[in-house]
Amino acid sequence: MDVMEILDEMKYKAKEDPGLCRRLLQTEQEKFPYDAFCTICRQYGYEVWPMDVVEAGEEMYAAIKRSTNGGGENSPMLEGQDDLYRMFLDEIRMEV
């Protein structure tokens, strides 16, 4: 299972379980939010680590850039554009 699938499943679980949703949102307050987030994911049986999330975000962003202009892009990245963790939290926050 790849990181995107894991995040989709965790999003579904958070939607069904308000307690889980709160726990995931509270990871933002931790000293190491990615670690806290991934720890919760592992508690639910998903083997995911902080670098997995970071790398998946960068790969997704690169794929989007390649698909829109043939592979080259000189414009600066907008803040958070490749941050799957933050995008995930924003999505579940909208569900609350």
Protein backbone atom coordinates (compact mmCIF):
# COMPACT_ATOMS: atom_id res chain seq x y z
CA MET A 1 0.00 0.00 0.00
CA ASP A 2 1.45 3.36 -0.94
CA VAL A 3 1.32 6.56 1.13
CA MET A 4 -1.56 8.05 -0.85
CA GLU A 5 -3.69 4.96 -0.19
CA ILE A 6 -2.77 5.06 3.49
CA LEU A 7 -3.76 8.73 3.75
CA ASP A 8 -7.04 8.03 1.98
CA GLU A 9 -7.85 5.23 4.42
CA MET A 10 -6.83 7.33 7.42
CA LYS A 11 -9.01 10.17 6.10
CA TYR A 12 -11.97 7.79 5.94
CA LYS A 13 -11.28 6.50 9.45
CA ALA A 14 -10.96 10.06 10.79
CA LYS A 15 -14.28 10.97 9.18
CA GLU A 16 -15.94 8.03 10.95
CA ASP A 17 -14.17 8.54 14.30
CA PRO A 18 -14.16 12.08 15.75
CA GLY A 19 -11.67 11.02 18.43
CA LEU A 20 -9.18 9.92 15.80
CA CYS A 21 -9.78 13.10 13.87
CA ARG A 22 -8.95 15.18 16.96
CA ARG A 23 -5.81 13.13 17.63
CA LEU A 24 -4.61 13.61 14.07
CA LEU A 25 -5.28 17.36 14.16
CA GLN A 26 -3.46 17.65 17.49
CA THR A 27 -0.28 16.31 15.91
CA GLU A 28 0.28 19.85 14.59
CA GLN A 29 1.01 20.94 18.16
CA GLU A 30 3.74 18.33 18.71
CA LYS A 31 7.43 19.14 18.60
CA PHE A 32 7.77 16.61 15.77
CA PRO A 33 4.35 16.61 14.05
CA TYR A 34 5.23 14.16 11.28
CA ASP A 35 6.49 11.64 13.83
CA ALA A 36 3.33 11.99 15.90
CA PHE A 37 1.14 11.64 12.81
CA CYS A 38 2.96 8.55 11.56
CA THR A 39 2.84 6.98 15.03
CA ILE A 40 -0.95 7.21 14.96
CA CYS A 41 -1.02 5.72 11.45
CA ARG A 42 1.15 2.82 12.65
CA GLN A 43 -1.22 2.27 15.59
CA TYR A 44 -3.90 1.67 12.97
CA GLY A 45 -1.72 -0.84 11.13
CA TYR A 46 -0.24 1.37 8.42
CA GLU A 47 3.52 1.16 8.18
CA VAL A 48 4.36 4.75 7.30
CA TRP A 49 7.25 6.96 8.39
CA PRO A 50 7.81 10.73 8.16
CA MET A 51 10.17 10.50 5.21
CA ASP A 52 7.60 8.39 3.33
CA VAL A 53 5.08 11.23 3.63
CA VAL A 54 7.61 13.89 2.61
CA GLU A 55 8.83 11.88 -0.38
CA ALA A 56 5.29 11.09 -1.56
CA GLY A 57 4.42 14.79 -1.48
CA GLU A 58 7.49 15.72 -3.49
CA GLU A 59 6.81 12.96 -6.03
CA MET A 60 3.19 14.04 -6.40
CA TYR A 61 4.20 17.67 -6.91
CA ALA A 62 6.86 16.71 -9.47
CA ALA A 63 4.34 14.58 -11.38
CA ILE A 64 1.87 17.46 -11.51
CA LYS A 65 4.56 19.82 -12.81
CA ARG A 66 5.66 17.33 -15.47
CA SER A 67 2.12 16.77 -16.63
CA THR A 68 1.32 20.46 -17.08
CA ASN A 69 4.34 21.69 -18.96
CA GLY A 70 6.36 18.83 -20.32
CA GLY A 71 8.69 18.34 -17.41
CA GLY A 72 10.37 21.68 -16.89
CA GLU A 73 9.32 24.37 -14.49
CA ASN A 74 11.12 27.46 -13.32
CA SER A 75 8.40 29.02 -11.22
CA PRO A 76 8.81 28.80 -7.46
CA MET A 77 6.75 26.33 -5.52
CA LEU A 78 3.99 27.79 -3.40
CA GLU A 79 4.35 27.06 0.29
CA GLY A 80 2.77 23.74 1.21
CA GLN A 81 2.15 22.71 -2.36
CA ASP A 82 3.97 19.43 -1.80
CA ASP A 83 3.09 18.90 1.88
CA LEU A 84 0.77 15.90 2.02
CA TYR A 85 0.62 16.01 5.82
CA ARG A 86 -0.69 19.59 5.87
CA MET A 87 -3.06 18.94 2.98
CA PHE A 88 -4.38 15.85 4.79
CA LEU A 89 -5.01 17.87 7.95
CA ASP A 90 -6.73 20.61 5.97
CA GLU A 91 -9.04 18.04 4.38
CA ILE A 92 -10.06 16.37 7.65
CA ARG A 93 -10.40 19.79 9.30
CA MET A 94 -13.02 20.65 6.69
CA GLU A 95 -14.94 17.50 7.64
CA VAL A 96 -15.18 18.47 11.33
